[in-house]
Protein backbone atom coordinates (compact mmCIF):
# COMPACT_ATOMS: atom_id res chain seq x y z
CA MET A 1 124.20 136.63 169.16
CA SER A 2 127.84 135.14 167.31
CA LEU A 3 129.89 137.61 165.45
CA LEU A 4 129.97 134.86 162.41
CA PHE A 5 126.31 135.50 162.70
CA LEU A 6 126.22 139.43 162.45
CA VAL A 7 128.68 139.17 159.78
CA TRP A 8 127.03 136.68 157.39
CA SER A 9 123.93 138.60 157.45
CA HIS A 10 125.66 141.60 156.46
CA LEU A 11 127.15 139.94 153.90
CA LYS A 12 123.77 139.05 152.48
CA ARG A 13 122.18 142.38 152.51
CA LYS A 14 123.88 143.55 149.83
CA LYS A 15 124.17 140.21 147.95
CA LEU A 16 125.32 141.59 144.78
CA ARG A 17 127.67 143.84 146.19
CA SER A 18 129.51 141.21 147.99
CA ALA A 19 129.37 138.84 145.07
CA LEU A 20 130.84 141.20 142.79
CA THR A 21 133.40 142.06 145.56
CA LEU A 22 134.23 138.24 146.37
CA LEU A 23 134.60 137.85 142.38
CA SER A 24 137.13 140.76 141.92
CA ILE A 25 139.24 138.83 145.24
CA THR A 26 138.62 135.27 143.05
CA VAL A 27 140.14 136.47 139.70
CA ALA A 28 142.90 138.50 141.62
CA PHE A 29 144.40 135.08 143.16
CA VAL A 30 143.82 133.00 139.92
CA LEU A 31 145.97 135.49 138.26
CA PHE A 32 148.32 134.95 141.46
CA GLY A 33 148.40 131.27 140.99
CA LEU A 34 149.04 131.45 137.17
CA LEU A 35 151.86 133.62 137.47
CA CYS A 36 153.52 131.51 140.36
CA ALA A 37 152.93 128.62 138.12
CA LEU A 38 154.12 130.32 135.12
CA LYS A 39 157.37 131.31 137.34
CA GLU A 40 157.92 127.66 138.51
CA ALA A 41 157.89 126.42 135.12
CA PHE A 42 160.66 128.90 133.84
CA THR A 43 162.77 128.72 137.06
CA ALA A 44 162.21 124.96 137.97
CA GLY A 45 165.68 123.94 136.30
CA VAL A 46 167.46 126.39 138.55
CA SER A 47 165.84 125.07 141.08
CA LEU A 48 166.26 121.66 141.01
CA ALA A 49 170.03 122.12 139.61
CA ASP A 50 172.25 119.65 141.09
CA ALA A 51 175.16 121.53 143.01
CA ASP A 52 177.81 119.00 142.31
CA ARG A 53 177.23 119.06 138.43
CA LEU A 54 178.45 121.38 135.62
CA ILE A 55 177.76 122.54 132.04
CA THR A 56 180.68 123.08 129.44
CA ARG A 57 179.53 124.37 126.22
CA HIS A 58 181.20 126.38 123.37
CA LYS A 59 182.47 129.53 124.82
CA ILE A 60 181.15 131.53 121.99
CA SER A 61 177.28 130.30 121.97
CA LEU A 62 175.40 127.36 122.88
CA ILE A 63 174.61 126.76 119.10
CA GLN A 64 177.80 126.19 118.18
CA PRO A 65 179.03 122.23 118.53
CA LEU A 66 181.48 120.30 120.35
CA PRO A 67 183.38 117.48 119.38
CA VAL A 68 182.66 114.00 121.04
CA SER A 69 186.24 113.18 121.63
CA TYR A 70 186.35 115.87 124.52
CA ARG A 71 184.72 113.47 126.75
CA PRO A 72 187.42 111.47 127.78
CA ARG A 73 189.70 114.53 128.30
CA ILE A 74 187.25 115.88 130.54
CA GLU A 75 186.86 112.91 132.58
CA ARG A 76 191.10 113.04 132.84
CA ILE A 77 190.85 116.07 134.69
CA PRO A 78 191.48 116.16 138.24
CA GLY A 79 188.44 117.04 140.23
CA VAL A 80 185.70 115.33 137.84
CA ALA A 81 184.26 112.15 138.84
CA SER A 82 182.23 111.67 135.23
CA ALA A 83 181.23 113.07 132.09
CA VAL A 84 178.05 112.83 129.37
CA HIS A 85 177.33 114.39 126.49
CA MET A 86 174.13 115.85 125.17
CA THR A 87 172.90 117.02 122.07
CA TRP A 88 169.66 118.83 120.83
CA PHE A 89 167.63 117.18 118.35
CA ASN A 90 164.52 119.31 118.15
CA GLY A 91 162.15 116.06 117.41
CA ILE A 92 158.89 116.80 115.47
CA TYR A 93 156.11 114.24 115.71
CA GLN A 94 153.72 114.42 112.88
CA ASP A 95 153.01 118.28 113.15
CA PRO A 96 155.36 121.09 112.96
CA LYS A 97 153.52 122.09 116.42
CA ASN A 98 154.31 119.02 118.28
CA PHE A 99 157.97 119.35 119.05
CA PHE A 100 159.57 118.38 122.42
CA GLY A 101 162.81 118.33 123.88
CA SER A 102 164.85 115.25 122.54
CA PHE A 103 168.04 114.42 123.02
CA PRO A 104 170.73 111.46 121.77
CA VAL A 105 172.87 110.50 124.88
CA ASP A 106 174.73 107.45 126.17
CA PRO A 107 172.29 105.58 128.26
CA ALA A 108 174.37 104.12 131.24
CA PRO A 109 176.15 107.37 132.06
CA PHE A 110 173.44 109.38 131.18
CA LEU A 111 171.30 107.97 133.94
CA GLU A 112 173.84 107.44 136.51
CA MET A 113 174.64 111.43 135.98
CA TYR A 114 170.93 112.18 136.43
CA PRO A 115 169.40 110.16 139.25
CA GLU A 116 166.39 112.35 139.11
CA ILE A 117 165.30 110.50 136.23
CA LEU A 118 163.55 106.87 137.07
CA LEU A 119 163.84 104.35 134.92
CA PRO A 120 162.91 100.78 136.31
CA ALA A 121 165.80 98.09 135.56
CA ASP A 122 164.12 96.13 133.00
CA GLN A 123 163.76 99.43 130.42
CA LYS A 124 166.90 100.29 131.28
CA GLU A 125 168.53 96.86 130.41
CA ALA A 126 165.87 97.03 127.09
CA TRP A 127 167.43 100.33 126.21
CA LEU A 128 171.11 99.29 126.37
CA ALA A 129 170.03 96.36 124.35
CA GLN A 130 167.97 97.88 121.49
CA ARG A 131 169.51 100.51 119.20
CA ASN A 132 167.01 102.21 118.50
CA GLY A 133 164.99 102.18 121.71
CA ALA A 134 164.08 105.38 123.20
CA VAL A 135 162.74 106.15 126.82
CA VAL A 136 159.78 108.95 127.19
CA GLY A 137 159.25 111.10 129.89
CA ARG A 138 155.84 110.25 131.60
CA THR A 139 154.50 113.74 130.58
CA LEU A 140 155.33 113.24 126.97
CA VAL A 141 153.43 109.95 126.92
CA ASN A 142 150.45 111.11 128.12
CA ARG A 143 150.27 114.18 125.94
CA PHE A 144 150.43 111.69 122.54
CA GLY A 145 148.88 108.71 124.46
CA TRP A 146 151.92 106.38 123.73
CA LYS A 147 153.25 103.27 125.59
CA ILE A 148 155.64 100.71 125.71
CA GLY A 149 156.37 99.02 122.33
CA ASP A 150 155.28 101.87 119.98
CA ARG A 151 157.19 102.76 117.46
CA VAL A 152 157.69 106.78 116.79
CA PRO A 153 158.72 108.31 113.88
CA LEU A 154 160.23 112.02 114.39
CA MET A 155 161.56 114.33 112.05
CA SER A 156 164.64 116.98 112.90
CA PRO A 157 165.00 120.23 110.96
CA ILE A 158 168.36 120.34 112.45
CA TRP A 159 169.51 116.50 112.09
CA PRO A 160 168.02 115.32 108.93
CA ARG A 161 168.54 111.43 108.24
CA GLN A 162 170.83 109.57 105.63
CA GLY A 163 167.86 109.38 102.67
CA ASP A 164 166.28 112.13 104.54
CA ALA A 165 163.67 109.41 105.69
CA PRO A 166 161.96 109.94 109.39
CA TRP A 167 164.03 108.78 112.32
CA GLU A 168 162.39 105.58 113.53
CA PHE A 169 162.16 105.02 117.30
CA GLU A 170 160.41 102.32 119.85
CA ILE A 171 159.49 103.37 123.51
CA VAL A 172 161.55 100.82 125.28
CA GLY A 173 160.90 102.60 128.55
CA ILE A 174 158.95 105.46 130.25
CA TYR A 175 160.62 107.50 133.21
CA ASP A 176 159.35 109.65 136.16
CA GLY A 177 160.71 112.05 137.98
CA ALA A 178 162.33 111.76 141.96
CA LYS A 179 161.04 115.31 142.75
CA LYS A 180 157.87 117.10 141.51
CA GLY A 181 159.25 119.83 139.22
CA THR A 182 161.27 117.04 137.14
CA ASP A 183 160.69 117.99 133.64
CA THR A 184 159.53 114.57 132.67
CA SER A 185 158.54 115.60 128.94
CA GLY A 186 162.19 114.67 127.35
CA PHE A 187 162.63 112.15 125.07
CA TYR A 188 165.86 110.24 125.28
CA PHE A 189 167.58 108.04 122.67
CA ARG A 190 170.97 106.31 121.79
CA TYR A 191 173.92 108.62 120.28
CA ASP A 192 175.17 105.32 118.39
CA TYR A 193 172.19 105.00 116.38
CA PHE A 194 172.11 108.93 116.06
CA ASP A 195 175.67 109.47 115.05
CA GLU A 196 175.53 106.41 112.36
CA GLY A 197 172.28 107.73 111.09
CA ARG A 198 172.85 111.57 110.57
CA ALA A 199 173.74 113.08 107.38
CA ARG A 200 176.39 115.33 108.43
CA ASP A 201 178.59 116.53 110.85
CA LYS A 202 179.17 112.98 112.41
CA GLY A 203 181.34 112.99 115.98
CA ILE A 204 179.81 116.61 117.22
CA VAL A 205 177.55 117.24 120.72
CA SER A 206 176.05 120.23 122.06
CA TRP A 207 177.10 120.20 125.47
CA TYR A 208 178.64 118.05 128.10
CA GLY A 209 177.67 117.28 131.68
CA ILE A 210 180.04 116.94 134.29
CA ARG A 211 179.65 115.84 137.96
CA ILE A 212 182.50 116.70 140.21
CA ALA A 213 184.23 114.86 142.44
CA ARG A 214 183.41 114.89 146.44
CA GLY A 215 185.52 117.39 148.18
CA ALA A 216 186.50 118.97 144.85
CA ARG A 217 186.01 123.03 144.40
CA VAL A 218 183.14 123.85 141.77
CA GLU A 219 185.33 126.59 140.36
CA GLU A 220 188.76 124.91 140.55
CA VAL A 221 187.02 121.92 138.06
CA ALA A 222 185.46 124.73 135.46
CA LYS A 223 188.46 126.77 135.35
CA ALA A 224 190.57 123.65 134.59
CA VAL A 225 188.22 122.31 132.06
CA ASP A 226 188.32 125.52 130.21
CA GLU A 227 192.14 125.95 130.20
CA GLU A 228 192.19 121.96 128.94
CA PHE A 229 190.34 123.59 125.56
CA ALA A 230 191.99 127.22 125.43
CA ASN A 231 193.31 128.62 122.46
CA SER A 232 191.99 125.20 120.06
CA PRO A 233 189.26 125.27 117.78
CA TYR A 234 186.60 124.61 120.20
CA GLU A 235 186.97 126.47 123.36
CA THR A 236 184.61 125.93 125.97
CA LYS A 237 182.86 127.79 128.78
CA THR A 238 182.27 125.58 131.96
CA GLU A 239 179.82 126.67 134.73
CA PRO A 240 177.30 125.45 137.54
CA GLU A 241 174.19 123.87 136.25
CA GLY A 242 172.34 126.32 138.23
CA ALA A 243 174.01 129.31 135.94
CA PHE A 244 173.23 127.49 133.02
CA ALA A 245 169.77 126.88 133.74
CA GLN A 246 169.52 130.70 134.71
CA GLY A 247 170.84 131.83 131.73
CA PHE A 248 167.70 130.60 129.54
CA VAL A 249 165.33 132.02 132.06
CA GLN A 250 167.23 135.50 131.56
CA GLN A 251 166.58 135.16 128.09
CA VAL A 252 162.77 135.82 129.11
CA GLY A 253 163.77 138.54 131.23
CA ASP A 254 163.72 138.84 135.54
CA ILE A 255 160.82 136.66 135.69
CA GLY A 256 160.53 137.54 139.79
CA THR A 257 160.29 141.21 139.07
CA ILE A 258 157.88 140.83 136.06
CA LEU A 259 155.78 139.11 138.75
CA ILE A 260 155.97 141.34 141.29
CA ALA A 261 155.12 143.99 139.15
CA ILE A 262 151.92 142.56 138.00
CA LEU A 263 150.99 141.29 141.28
CA SER A 264 151.52 144.60 142.80
CA ALA A 265 149.15 146.45 140.09
CA VAL A 266 146.48 143.57 140.63
CA PHE A 267 146.48 143.46 144.47
CA PHE A 268 146.90 147.71 144.63
CA THR A 269 143.56 147.62 142.43
CA ILE A 270 141.68 145.02 144.76
CA LEU A 271 143.06 146.57 147.73
CA LEU A 272 141.26 149.73 146.62
CA VAL A 273 137.87 147.91 145.64
CA ALA A 274 137.44 145.61 148.59
CA GLY A 275 138.43 148.58 151.01
CA ASN A 276 135.83 150.61 149.41
CA THR A 277 133.41 148.04 150.21
CA MET A 278 133.82 148.06 153.84
CA ALA A 279 134.07 151.20 154.10
CA GLN A 280 130.99 151.83 152.50
CA SER A 281 129.12 148.53 154.63
CA VAL A 282 130.64 150.29 157.93
CA ARG A 283 129.03 153.76 156.70
CA GLU A 284 125.60 152.03 155.88
CA ARG A 285 125.40 150.07 159.22
CA THR A 286 126.27 153.29 161.36
CA GLY A 287 123.08 153.16 163.14
CA GLU A 288 123.45 149.18 163.63
CA ILE A 289 126.59 150.12 165.34
CA GLY A 290 125.47 152.40 167.62
CA VAL A 291 122.88 150.39 168.93
CA LEU A 292 125.54 147.12 169.28
CA LYS A 293 127.68 149.77 171.47
CA ALA A 294 124.77 150.53 173.49
CA VAL A 295 123.55 147.24 174.09
CA GLY A 296 126.87 146.57 175.46
CA PHE A 297 129.08 145.36 172.53
CA THR A 298 132.79 146.60 173.74
CA ASN A 299 135.35 148.41 171.18
CA ALA A 300 137.51 145.49 170.72
CA ARG A 301 134.23 143.44 169.64
CA VAL A 302 133.35 146.12 167.24
CA LEU A 303 136.87 146.19 165.87
CA GLY A 304 136.83 142.45 165.47
CA LEU A 305 133.40 142.48 163.96
CA VAL A 306 134.56 144.55 161.03
CA LEU A 307 138.03 142.90 160.63
CA VAL A 308 135.91 139.40 160.24
CA GLU A 309 133.93 140.57 157.58
CA SER A 310 136.71 141.68 155.66
CA CYS A 311 139.04 138.79 156.37
CA LEU A 312 136.03 136.33 155.32
CA LEU A 313 135.23 138.10 152.11
CA ALA A 314 139.24 138.30 151.45
CA GLY A 315 139.55 134.58 152.88
CA ILE A 316 136.63 132.81 150.85
CA GLY A 317 137.66 134.63 147.70
CA GLY A 318 141.37 133.78 147.88
CA LEU A 319 140.93 130.22 148.53
CA ILE A 320 138.69 129.78 146.00
CA GLY A 321 140.86 131.60 143.38
CA LEU A 322 143.73 129.13 144.57
CA ALA A 323 141.76 126.13 144.47
CA LEU A 324 140.81 127.07 140.90
CA VAL A 325 144.38 127.08 139.59
CA TRP A 326 145.33 124.55 141.85
CA THR A 327 143.01 121.87 140.58
CA TYR A 328 143.57 123.00 136.92
CA THR A 329 147.04 122.41 136.86
CA THR A 330 146.68 119.12 138.54
CA ALA A 331 144.15 117.66 136.03
CA HIS A 332 145.44 119.54 132.94
CA GLY A 333 149.16 120.50 133.72
CA SER A 334 150.71 122.93 131.17
CA PRO A 335 148.19 124.30 128.72
CA VAL A 336 151.66 124.70 126.19
CA PRO A 337 153.63 121.61 127.24
CA SER A 338 156.32 121.87 123.80
CA ILE A 339 157.27 125.24 125.57
CA LEU A 340 156.46 125.15 129.10
CA PRO A 341 157.04 121.14 130.34
CA VAL A 342 156.43 121.84 134.01
CA PHE A 343 153.71 123.98 135.03
CA TYR A 344 152.32 123.55 138.61
CA VAL A 345 151.84 125.45 141.47
CA PRO A 346 154.08 124.75 144.55
CA THR A 347 153.22 124.29 147.93
CA ARG A 348 154.91 127.30 149.54
CA ASP A 349 153.22 129.85 146.95
CA LEU A 350 150.01 128.12 147.87
CA LEU A 351 150.72 129.30 151.82
CA ARG A 352 151.88 132.36 150.41
CA GLY A 353 148.41 132.90 148.76
CA ALA A 354 147.06 132.21 151.97
CA SER A 355 148.84 134.85 153.88
CA LEU A 356 148.29 136.97 151.26
CA ALA A 357 144.52 136.53 151.51
CA ALA A 358 144.91 137.35 155.23
CA ALA A 359 146.94 140.20 155.07
CA LEU A 360 143.94 141.75 152.35
CA GLY A 361 141.34 140.82 154.59
CA LEU A 362 143.12 142.79 157.55
CA ALA A 363 144.61 145.54 155.15
CA THR A 364 140.83 146.88 153.53
CA GLY A 365 139.54 146.25 156.94
CA ILE A 366 141.37 147.96 159.22
CA LEU A 367 140.34 151.66 158.54
CA PRO A 368 136.64 150.91 158.53
CA ALA A 369 137.04 148.87 161.85
CA LEU A 370 139.43 151.88 163.41
CA GLN A 371 136.17 154.42 162.23
CA ALA A 372 133.70 152.03 164.12
CA VAL A 373 135.45 151.85 166.93
CA ARG A 374 136.01 155.51 167.07
CA LEU A 375 132.07 156.17 166.77
CA ARG A 376 130.48 157.45 169.87
CA VAL A 377 127.14 156.05 170.60
CA ALA A 378 125.22 159.43 170.51
CA ASP A 379 126.66 160.43 167.29
CA ALA A 380 125.53 156.99 165.78
CA LEU A 381 122.31 157.12 166.76
CA ARG A 382 121.61 160.86 165.63
CA ARG A 383 123.02 160.05 162.25
CA GLN A 384 120.49 157.04 162.01
CA SER A 385 117.54 159.48 163.20
């Protein structure tokens, strides 16, 4: 008689109890997967940041602008390979709820600075040739059903167009990401078209991206950039791209600590629920365990019987929960793409979830299993009688 046959028979004996325990474990791992996806959504920019790129912004605040004339001065600084500027446009499509990351940039240096943005060569040429052309990320295209050649009107509460008319763009390219976590929800268009058409504050940008030259030291280049503009009307703060992205994440809070706190509470509760289920199951089968020992089951086999049952229950529940989250995020993506454009469960977290399910099974089964091992045949049969 195999262990799996015995385990399956025991689980079927109390179908409702087994089903409810399985459901509670599944819900816990669904929550685990969603929280991992949420963490990835907030920290994707940090993990994908290039170690050779810096961000230069206004010293006081990101919302304070910098002159577009800073670019050639930055590129003359020793250790700087290239620099590009970006401006937050805050484009809105048709409805105020339909806002997304949109930026006027200089196309050629921008694509050179960010090789993780994959754009076909013919679409790049079209962008360089068409003044009101825009390239759009795959996620954003799927969100609104756009295609190349579509004309897209956008409004911006920050940058009104001269005459208060909508900004008109034609989609000339659709870009994909070189890595899975790359944000493909952006909308990029030409800075010269933007600067010519905006109603006010011409000649300013929001921040600069800087690529340092090979062999240059990040700290020294950042210090040199800030010293270049010290005591000017537009002083700067330069930091690694990862630190810049981390600043946004910290505005929400310590995502890692929040995640650990929530999951600790959830899994502690599930540990009590599943552990109580296993303990009750072993108590109900005291006589059966005595009979198994009497017919030759060793202590090791009894121990394995209980542990296999607890691990099977935790494993099935955990895998179902992880599979549900993976299926949802793969098929539907982010539930709020305007706020969380990157939303998926990384493979490393799926593997951690599987390991956690195994650990949960061992933790909930070890005490009842040891109780079954210590049970003497005579005592078990006496209680049964």
